[in-house]
N, C-alpha and C. Protein backbone atom coordinates (compact mmCIF):
# COMPACT_ATOMS: atom_id res chain seq x y z
N UNK A 1 231.44 156.08 126.84
CA UNK A 1 230.63 155.47 127.83
C UNK A 1 231.07 155.68 129.00
N UNK A 2 232.53 156.07 129.22
CA UNK A 2 233.12 156.25 130.53
C UNK A 2 232.42 157.74 131.01
N UNK A 3 232.18 158.81 130.09
CA UNK A 3 231.63 160.03 130.39
C UNK A 3 230.31 159.94 131.10
N UNK A 4 229.54 159.15 130.66
CA UNK A 4 228.07 159.06 131.17
C UNK A 4 228.13 157.92 132.28
N UNK A 5 228.94 157.26 132.50
CA UNK A 5 228.91 156.15 133.48
C UNK A 5 228.09 155.19 133.11
N UNK A 6 228.28 154.60 131.87
CA UNK A 6 227.42 153.52 131.24
C UNK A 6 228.02 152.15 131.59
N UNK A 7 229.18 151.96 132.11
CA UNK A 7 229.79 150.76 132.39
C UNK A 7 230.91 150.42 131.16
N UNK A 8 231.48 149.31 131.19
CA UNK A 8 232.46 148.97 130.13
C UNK A 8 231.79 148.09 129.07
N UNK A 9 232.52 148.07 128.04
CA UNK A 9 232.11 147.19 126.84
C UNK A 9 232.05 145.66 127.40
N UNK A 10 232.88 145.26 128.16
CA UNK A 10 232.89 143.90 128.64
C UNK A 10 231.72 143.67 129.46
N UNK A 11 231.16 144.54 130.30
CA UNK A 11 229.91 144.57 130.92
C UNK A 11 228.80 144.25 130.10
N UNK A 12 228.80 145.13 129.05
CA UNK A 12 227.77 144.95 128.06
C UNK A 12 227.78 143.72 127.42
N UNK A 13 228.96 143.18 127.00
CA UNK A 13 229.06 141.92 126.33
C UNK A 13 228.43 140.73 127.27
N UNK A 14 228.73 140.75 128.71
CA UNK A 14 228.27 139.83 129.52
C UNK A 14 226.82 139.73 129.49
N UNK A 15 226.18 140.88 129.75
CA UNK A 15 224.85 141.31 130.09
C UNK A 15 224.12 142.34 128.99
N UNK A 16 224.00 141.82 127.76
CA UNK A 16 223.21 142.66 126.81
C UNK A 16 222.01 143.17 127.06
N UNK A 17 221.84 144.56 127.10
CA UNK A 17 220.41 144.81 127.36
C UNK A 17 219.58 144.87 126.18
N UNK A 18 218.16 144.90 126.09
CA UNK A 18 217.47 145.14 124.88
C UNK A 18 217.55 146.40 124.53
N UNK A 19 217.17 146.70 123.16
CA UNK A 19 217.24 148.15 122.76
C UNK A 19 216.59 148.97 123.45
N UNK A 20 215.32 148.69 123.87
CA UNK A 20 214.59 149.79 124.66
C UNK A 20 215.28 149.98 125.92
N UNK A 21 215.68 148.94 126.75
CA UNK A 21 216.31 149.36 127.96
C UNK A 21 217.57 149.89 127.63
N UNK A 22 218.16 149.72 126.76
CA UNK A 22 219.73 150.40 126.44
C UNK A 22 219.35 152.00 126.03
N UNK A 23 218.22 152.21 125.36
CA UNK A 23 217.95 153.57 124.96
C UNK A 23 217.55 154.26 126.21
N UNK A 24 216.80 153.82 127.10
CA UNK A 24 216.35 154.37 128.36
C UNK A 24 217.39 154.62 129.30
N UNK A 25 218.45 153.96 129.43
CA UNK A 25 219.51 153.84 130.16
C UNK A 25 220.64 154.96 129.67
N UNK A 26 220.76 154.87 128.46
CA UNK A 26 221.77 156.08 127.83
C UNK A 26 220.88 157.35 127.96
N UNK A 27 219.63 157.58 127.81
CA UNK A 27 218.83 158.87 127.98
C UNK A 27 218.98 159.20 129.45
N UNK A 28 218.65 158.43 130.34
CA UNK A 28 218.66 158.79 131.72
C UNK A 28 219.96 159.30 132.19
N UNK A 29 221.05 158.52 131.56
CA UNK A 29 222.48 158.75 131.85
C UNK A 29 223.03 160.22 131.51
N UNK A 30 222.67 160.58 130.19
CA UNK A 30 222.82 161.78 129.47
C UNK A 30 222.13 163.00 130.19
N UNK A 31 220.87 162.84 130.46
CA UNK A 31 220.14 163.83 131.12
C UNK A 31 220.60 164.10 132.45
N UNK A 32 221.16 163.14 133.32
CA UNK A 32 221.60 163.20 134.51
C UNK A 32 222.89 163.92 134.58
N UNK A 33 223.69 163.39 133.54
CA UNK A 33 225.15 163.99 133.52
C UNK A 33 224.93 165.48 133.22
N UNK A 34 224.10 165.99 132.34
CA UNK A 34 224.14 167.40 131.97
C UNK A 34 223.37 168.03 132.81
N UNK A 35 222.36 167.46 133.63
CA UNK A 35 221.81 168.48 134.65
C UNK A 35 222.79 168.64 135.87
N UNK A 36 223.65 167.58 136.09
CA UNK A 36 224.75 168.01 137.33
C UNK A 36 225.59 168.97 136.64
N UNK A 37 226.13 168.82 135.36
CA UNK A 37 227.15 169.85 134.84
C UNK A 37 226.60 171.23 134.78
N UNK A 38 225.26 171.38 134.40
CA UNK A 38 224.59 172.74 134.42
C UNK A 38 224.57 173.26 135.84
N UNK A 39 224.14 172.25 136.89
CA UNK A 39 224.11 172.92 138.20
C UNK A 39 225.39 173.26 138.78
N UNK A 40 226.53 172.60 138.26
CA UNK A 40 227.72 172.82 138.89
C UNK A 40 228.42 174.11 138.17
N UNK A 41 227.98 174.42 136.91
CA UNK A 41 228.45 175.50 136.26
C UNK A 41 227.68 176.81 136.22
N UNK A 42 226.56 176.78 136.93
CA UNK A 42 225.65 177.88 137.06
C UNK A 42 226.34 178.96 137.77
N UNK A 43 226.79 178.76 139.00
CA UNK A 43 227.62 179.79 139.54
C UNK A 43 228.66 180.62 138.82
N UNK A 44 229.36 179.82 137.84
CA UNK A 44 230.43 180.45 137.27
C UNK A 44 230.11 181.15 135.81
N UNK A 45 228.74 180.86 135.52
CA UNK A 45 228.18 181.59 134.22
C UNK A 45 226.84 182.03 134.36
N UNK A 46 226.71 183.53 134.40
CA UNK A 46 225.54 183.97 134.66
C UNK A 46 224.29 183.62 133.80
N UNK A 47 224.72 183.37 132.57
CA UNK A 47 223.82 182.92 131.39
C UNK A 47 223.06 181.56 131.77
N UNK A 48 223.76 180.82 132.57
CA UNK A 48 223.19 179.54 132.75
C UNK A 48 222.04 179.34 133.81
N UNK A 49 222.01 180.48 134.63
CA UNK A 49 221.10 180.72 135.76
C UNK A 49 219.74 180.39 135.06
N UNK A 50 219.44 180.99 133.75
CA UNK A 50 218.16 181.06 133.27
C UNK A 50 217.84 179.70 132.78
N UNK A 51 218.63 178.81 132.63
CA UNK A 51 218.36 177.42 132.13
C UNK A 51 217.71 176.41 133.39
N UNK A 52 218.17 176.72 134.53
CA UNK A 52 217.67 176.00 135.49
C UNK A 52 216.43 176.47 136.40
N UNK A 53 215.38 176.91 135.59
CA UNK A 53 214.09 177.43 136.12
C UNK A 53 213.19 176.14 135.81
N UNK A 54 212.05 176.51 136.37
CA UNK A 54 210.92 175.21 136.30
C UNK A 54 210.77 174.81 135.11
N UNK A 55 210.99 175.85 134.22
CA UNK A 55 210.59 175.23 132.64
C UNK A 55 211.73 174.50 131.86
N UNK A 56 212.90 174.50 132.63
CA UNK A 56 213.87 173.52 132.05
C UNK A 56 213.84 172.17 132.60
N UNK A 57 213.66 171.20 131.66
CA UNK A 57 213.53 169.74 131.98
C UNK A 57 214.42 169.07 131.06
N UNK A 58 215.42 168.44 131.56
CA UNK A 58 216.32 167.86 130.48
C UNK A 58 215.67 166.65 129.52
N UNK A 59 216.03 166.94 128.19
CA UNK A 59 215.35 166.22 127.12
C UNK A 59 214.12 166.63 126.51
N UNK A 60 213.69 167.89 127.13
CA UNK A 60 212.62 168.62 126.43
C UNK A 60 212.92 170.00 126.04
N UNK A 61 212.20 170.49 125.03
CA UNK A 61 212.47 171.53 124.37
C UNK A 61 212.06 172.74 125.13
N UNK A 62 212.90 173.87 125.19
CA UNK A 62 212.29 175.00 125.93
C UNK A 62 211.06 175.47 125.42
N UNK A 63 210.05 175.98 126.11
CA UNK A 63 208.77 176.60 125.56
C UNK A 63 208.98 177.52 124.49
N UNK A 64 210.09 178.41 124.55
CA UNK A 64 210.14 179.37 123.49
C UNK A 64 210.58 178.84 122.16
N UNK A 65 211.23 177.63 122.24
CA UNK A 65 211.50 176.99 121.06
C UNK A 65 210.56 176.01 120.38
N UNK A 66 209.60 175.58 121.11
CA UNK A 66 208.71 174.44 120.97
C UNK A 66 207.72 174.73 119.94
N UNK A 67 207.53 175.87 119.65
CA UNK A 67 206.63 176.19 118.58
C UNK A 67 207.15 176.07 117.07
N UNK A 68 206.45 175.90 116.27
CA UNK A 68 206.98 175.81 114.76
C UNK A 68 207.31 177.27 114.03
N UNK A 69 208.58 177.44 113.74
CA UNK A 69 208.74 178.50 113.15
C UNK A 69 209.15 178.49 111.80
N UNK A 70 208.66 179.46 111.03
CA UNK A 70 209.07 179.42 109.60
C UNK A 70 210.25 180.11 109.44
N UNK A 71 210.80 180.16 108.19
CA UNK A 71 212.03 180.92 107.88
C UNK A 71 212.13 182.33 108.17
N UNK A 72 211.00 182.97 107.78
CA UNK A 72 211.00 184.57 108.31
C UNK A 72 210.94 184.58 109.67
N UNK A 73 210.67 183.77 110.33
CA UNK A 73 210.66 184.26 111.86
C UNK A 73 212.00 183.63 112.49
N UNK A 74 212.81 182.97 111.72
CA UNK A 74 214.18 182.70 112.26
C UNK A 74 215.14 183.73 112.71
N UNK A 75 215.06 184.86 112.16
CA UNK A 75 215.98 186.03 112.37
C UNK A 75 215.56 186.37 113.90
N UNK A 76 214.47 187.02 114.03
CA UNK A 76 213.89 187.28 115.25
C UNK A 76 214.16 186.11 116.25
N UNK A 77 214.10 185.04 116.03
CA UNK A 77 214.37 184.00 117.06
C UNK A 77 215.63 183.94 117.35
N UNK A 78 216.66 184.06 116.66
CA UNK A 78 218.16 184.27 116.92
C UNK A 78 218.23 185.43 117.93
N UNK A 79 217.74 186.33 117.73
CA UNK A 79 217.52 187.69 118.78
C UNK A 79 217.16 187.28 120.05
N UNK A 80 215.93 186.54 120.07
CA UNK A 80 215.35 186.05 121.15
C UNK A 80 216.23 185.16 122.13
N UNK A 81 216.69 184.42 121.41
CA UNK A 81 217.80 183.20 122.13
C UNK A 81 218.97 183.95 122.73
N UNK A 82 219.46 184.92 121.86
CA UNK A 82 220.79 185.71 122.36
C UNK A 82 220.28 186.47 123.66
N UNK A 83 219.02 187.17 123.63
CA UNK A 83 218.33 187.72 124.70
C UNK A 83 218.38 186.92 125.94
N UNK A 84 217.74 185.75 125.56
CA UNK A 84 217.52 184.96 126.98
C UNK A 84 218.82 184.38 127.31
N UNK A 85 219.87 184.15 126.65
CA UNK A 85 221.15 183.62 127.15
C UNK A 85 222.09 184.57 127.72
N UNK A 86 221.81 185.75 127.49
CA UNK A 86 222.68 187.06 127.70
C UNK A 86 223.52 187.18 126.89
N UNK A 87 223.73 186.80 125.54
CA UNK A 87 224.73 187.00 124.62
C UNK A 87 224.48 187.84 123.35
N UNK A 88 223.55 188.61 123.75
CA UNK A 88 223.12 189.63 122.66
C UNK A 88 223.85 190.87 122.81
N UNK A 89 224.56 191.27 121.70
CA UNK A 89 225.36 192.35 121.58
C UNK A 89 224.59 193.65 120.88
N UNK A 90 224.35 194.71 121.56
CA UNK A 90 223.78 195.85 121.04
C UNK A 90 224.51 196.33 119.81
N UNK A 91 223.76 196.68 118.71
CA UNK A 91 224.46 197.18 117.39
C UNK A 91 225.40 198.34 117.68
N UNK A 92 225.24 199.12 118.49
CA UNK A 92 226.15 200.16 118.83
C UNK A 92 227.55 199.91 119.44
N UNK A 93 227.32 198.64 120.08
CA UNK A 93 228.76 198.24 120.66
C UNK A 93 229.41 197.26 119.56
N UNK A 94 228.64 196.47 118.80
CA UNK A 94 228.94 195.76 117.60
C UNK A 94 229.71 196.56 116.77
N UNK A 95 229.16 197.84 116.40
CA UNK A 95 229.87 198.64 115.43
C UNK A 95 231.23 198.98 116.06
N UNK A 96 231.34 199.26 117.14
CA UNK A 96 232.75 199.61 117.78
C UNK A 96 233.61 198.40 117.82
N UNK A 97 233.37 197.12 117.75
CA UNK A 97 234.46 196.09 117.72
C UNK A 97 234.40 195.47 116.55
N UNK A 98 233.95 196.13 115.30
CA UNK A 98 233.91 195.22 114.11
C UNK A 98 234.48 196.24 113.05
N UNK A 99 235.20 195.53 112.24
CA UNK A 99 235.90 196.34 111.23
C UNK A 99 235.13 196.65 109.88
N UNK A 100 234.02 195.96 109.73
CA UNK A 100 233.36 196.05 108.54
C UNK A 100 232.16 197.07 109.11
N UNK A 101 231.56 197.61 107.92
CA UNK A 101 230.35 198.48 108.18
C UNK A 101 229.23 197.80 108.81
N UNK A 102 228.73 198.12 110.25
CA UNK A 102 227.74 197.82 110.83
C UNK A 102 226.63 198.76 111.27
N UNK A 103 225.61 198.91 110.85
CA UNK A 103 224.66 199.81 111.13
C UNK A 103 224.11 199.83 112.46
N UNK A 104 224.30 200.94 113.14
CA UNK A 104 223.75 201.00 114.65
C UNK A 104 222.35 200.92 114.91
N UNK A 105 221.86 200.99 113.79
CA UNK A 105 220.11 201.01 113.91
C UNK A 105 219.53 199.65 114.51
N UNK A 106 218.68 199.99 115.13
CA UNK A 106 218.02 198.48 115.83
C UNK A 106 217.54 197.61 114.89
N UNK A 107 217.92 196.45 114.98
CA UNK A 107 217.40 195.29 114.07
C UNK A 107 215.92 195.08 114.24
N UNK A 108 215.53 195.31 115.36
CA UNK A 108 214.01 194.90 115.72
C UNK A 108 213.07 195.84 115.13
N UNK A 109 213.37 197.09 115.45
CA UNK A 109 212.20 198.27 114.84
C UNK A 109 212.73 199.27 113.77
N UNK A 110 214.18 199.14 113.42
CA UNK A 110 214.80 199.73 112.41
C UNK A 110 214.45 201.44 112.69
N UNK A 111 214.19 201.87 113.64
CA UNK A 111 213.84 203.33 114.00
C UNK A 111 214.99 204.00 114.58
N UNK A 112 215.69 203.76 115.43
CA UNK A 112 216.87 204.52 116.34
C UNK A 112 218.15 203.64 116.30
N UNK A 113 219.07 204.31 116.57
CA UNK A 113 220.35 203.66 117.06
C UNK A 113 220.04 202.69 118.14
N UNK A 114 220.43 201.59 118.18
CA UNK A 114 220.19 200.33 119.27
C UNK A 114 221.15 200.66 120.53
N UNK A 115 220.60 201.51 121.27
CA UNK A 115 221.32 201.52 122.75
C UNK A 115 220.65 200.80 123.65
N UNK A 116 221.19 200.78 124.85
CA UNK A 116 220.40 200.18 125.95
C UNK A 116 219.19 200.60 126.20
N UNK A 117 219.24 202.19 126.38
CA UNK A 117 218.08 202.85 126.56
C UNK A 117 217.05 202.60 125.59
N UNK A 118 217.32 202.89 124.26
CA UNK A 118 216.24 202.39 123.16
C UNK A 118 215.80 201.04 123.51
N UNK A 119 216.71 200.25 123.45
CA UNK A 119 216.16 198.63 123.53
C UNK A 119 215.48 198.34 124.61
N UNK A 120 215.57 198.81 125.90
CA UNK A 120 214.72 198.47 126.90
C UNK A 120 213.48 199.52 127.15
N UNK A 121 213.58 200.64 126.95
CA UNK A 121 212.81 201.65 127.26
C UNK A 121 211.82 202.29 126.00
N UNK A 122 212.51 202.22 124.61
CA UNK A 122 211.83 203.13 123.67
C UNK A 122 211.55 202.26 122.39
N UNK A 123 212.08 200.87 122.14
CA UNK A 123 211.83 200.18 120.99
C UNK A 123 210.27 199.86 120.95
N UNK A 124 209.69 200.51 119.85
CA UNK A 124 208.37 200.25 119.55
C UNK A 124 208.06 198.56 119.35
N UNK A 125 208.99 198.07 118.81
CA UNK A 125 208.54 196.52 118.44
C UNK A 125 208.66 195.61 119.82
N UNK A 126 209.28 196.26 120.77
CA UNK A 126 209.23 195.34 122.22
C UNK A 126 208.29 195.97 123.33
N UNK A 127 207.44 196.98 122.78
CA UNK A 127 206.47 197.45 123.82
C UNK A 127 205.66 196.56 124.43
N UNK A 128 205.17 195.68 123.71
CA UNK A 128 204.27 194.76 124.26
C UNK A 128 204.87 193.66 125.29
N UNK A 129 206.24 193.68 125.29
CA UNK A 129 207.00 192.83 126.20
C UNK A 129 207.37 193.50 127.25
N UNK A 130 207.79 194.86 127.23
CA UNK A 130 208.35 195.70 128.39
C UNK A 130 207.37 196.38 128.77
N UNK A 131 206.43 196.85 128.27
CA UNK A 131 205.14 197.65 128.91
C UNK A 131 204.55 197.15 130.04
N UNK A 132 204.31 195.91 130.14
CA UNK A 132 203.49 195.13 131.42
C UNK A 132 204.61 195.50 132.60
N UNK A 133 205.79 194.96 132.06
CA UNK A 133 206.75 195.05 133.09
C UNK A 133 207.20 196.25 133.81
N UNK A 134 207.24 197.19 132.78
CA UNK A 134 207.48 198.61 133.31
C UNK A 134 206.40 199.26 134.15
N UNK A 135 205.04 198.95 133.84
CA UNK A 135 203.84 199.23 134.64
C UNK A 135 204.13 198.93 135.97
N UNK A 136 204.36 197.55 136.07
CA UNK A 136 204.49 196.93 137.27
C UNK A 136 205.81 197.62 138.25
N UNK A 137 206.73 197.73 137.53
CA UNK A 137 207.84 198.39 138.24
C UNK A 137 207.60 199.59 138.77
N UNK A 138 207.01 200.69 137.82
CA UNK A 138 206.66 201.87 138.31
C UNK A 138 205.61 202.06 139.43
N UNK A 139 204.68 201.07 139.41
CA UNK A 139 203.69 200.98 140.43
C UNK A 139 204.36 200.77 141.81
N UNK A 140 205.30 199.69 141.87
CA UNK A 140 206.11 199.19 143.09
C UNK A 140 206.85 200.38 143.48
N UNK A 141 207.82 201.06 142.52
CA UNK A 141 208.46 202.19 142.83
C UNK A 141 207.94 203.24 143.64
N UNK A 142 206.68 203.66 142.92
CA UNK A 142 205.74 204.68 143.66
C UNK A 142 205.30 204.30 145.10
N UNK A 143 205.01 203.03 145.25
CA UNK A 143 204.33 202.56 146.54
C UNK A 143 205.70 202.74 147.48
N UNK A 144 206.60 202.01 147.22
CA UNK A 144 207.82 201.87 148.07
C UNK A 144 208.48 203.30 148.35
N UNK A 145 208.69 204.21 147.35
CA UNK A 145 209.54 205.43 147.59
C UNK A 145 208.55 206.74 147.75
N UNK A 146 207.30 206.52 147.25
CA UNK A 146 206.33 207.82 147.16
C UNK A 146 206.83 208.64 146.30
N UNK A 147 207.74 208.49 145.33
CA UNK A 147 208.09 209.39 144.09
C UNK A 147 208.03 208.75 142.93
N UNK A 148 207.76 209.46 141.78
CA UNK A 148 207.56 208.98 140.33
C UNK A 148 208.76 208.35 139.81
N UNK A 149 208.56 207.24 139.15
CA UNK A 149 209.67 206.57 138.47
C UNK A 149 210.38 207.19 137.32
N UNK A 150 209.47 208.01 136.67
CA UNK A 150 209.82 208.92 135.58
C UNK A 150 210.74 209.85 136.14
N UNK A 151 210.94 210.25 137.39
CA UNK A 151 211.76 211.27 137.57
C UNK A 151 213.13 210.86 137.83
N UNK A 152 213.37 209.67 137.82
CA UNK A 152 214.91 208.82 137.76
C UNK A 152 215.40 209.19 136.39
N UNK A 153 216.85 209.16 136.63
CA UNK A 153 217.47 209.31 135.48
C UNK A 153 217.39 207.96 134.60
N UNK A 154 217.67 208.23 133.30
CA UNK A 154 217.49 207.05 132.27
C UNK A 154 218.54 205.91 132.81
N UNK A 155 219.60 206.06 133.24
CA UNK A 155 220.59 204.87 133.46
C UNK A 155 219.99 204.21 134.92
N UNK A 156 219.57 204.99 135.84
CA UNK A 156 218.59 204.32 136.97
C UNK A 156 217.51 203.59 136.71
N UNK A 157 216.77 203.98 135.73
CA UNK A 157 215.74 203.25 135.21
C UNK A 157 216.14 201.86 134.67
N UNK A 158 217.18 201.97 133.79
CA UNK A 158 217.69 200.75 133.23
C UNK A 158 218.05 199.83 134.24
N UNK A 159 218.83 200.41 135.24
CA UNK A 159 219.37 199.40 136.23
C UNK A 159 218.19 198.66 136.85
N UNK A 160 217.29 199.32 137.32
CA UNK A 160 216.10 198.83 138.14
C UNK A 160 215.42 198.01 137.32
N UNK A 161 215.26 198.11 135.99
CA UNK A 161 214.47 197.33 135.16
C UNK A 161 215.29 195.94 134.89
N UNK A 162 216.66 196.13 134.66
CA UNK A 162 217.38 194.97 134.49
C UNK A 162 217.53 194.09 135.68
N UNK A 163 217.59 194.72 136.90
CA UNK A 163 217.67 194.01 137.95
C UNK A 163 216.49 193.21 138.22
N UNK A 164 215.39 193.87 138.00
CA UNK A 164 213.94 193.26 138.23
C UNK A 164 213.69 192.14 137.27
N UNK A 165 214.01 192.50 135.98
CA UNK A 165 213.91 191.17 134.91
C UNK A 165 214.68 190.06 135.41
N UNK A 166 215.81 190.24 135.79
CA UNK A 166 216.81 189.17 136.06
C UNK A 166 215.95 188.25 137.28
N UNK A 167 215.25 188.87 138.36
CA UNK A 167 214.78 188.18 139.19
C UNK A 167 213.31 187.43 138.64
N UNK A 168 212.89 187.70 137.60
CA UNK A 168 211.58 186.99 137.07
C UNK A 168 211.83 185.71 136.60
């Protein structure tokens, strides 16, 4: 009760709220507490930045998670959540840090080794997501610099893409 500033047990004994009032009071206190916590921790953790968008409302499910998912869709959902929170580790990196046999092949399309280049620019399963963003980036790049985006090195393309997506 002290964590969410709900008062003392003695206060509750003196003035016992109804079930509805108590439930609402607890809910508001919890939402308020965690909103303040997330706001205060956002500068320290880059992944929390994405939670404080217009879509995040305390007590509501994130739009990506609000759909009904079947067991078959749970594995891609784990990957999507890791991508959103910035905790996804590419298979090639995971292979380097793991004592067990980890295949570096992309888990999404199963075509090539999962490198940053493949994941962002070449993965066929992600083309529907990345293509519209890449087209917009290429168009803006050509307007600003009057050069083709495709003439850049792959590392430069990845850097521009990741910094642009971080601003969306």
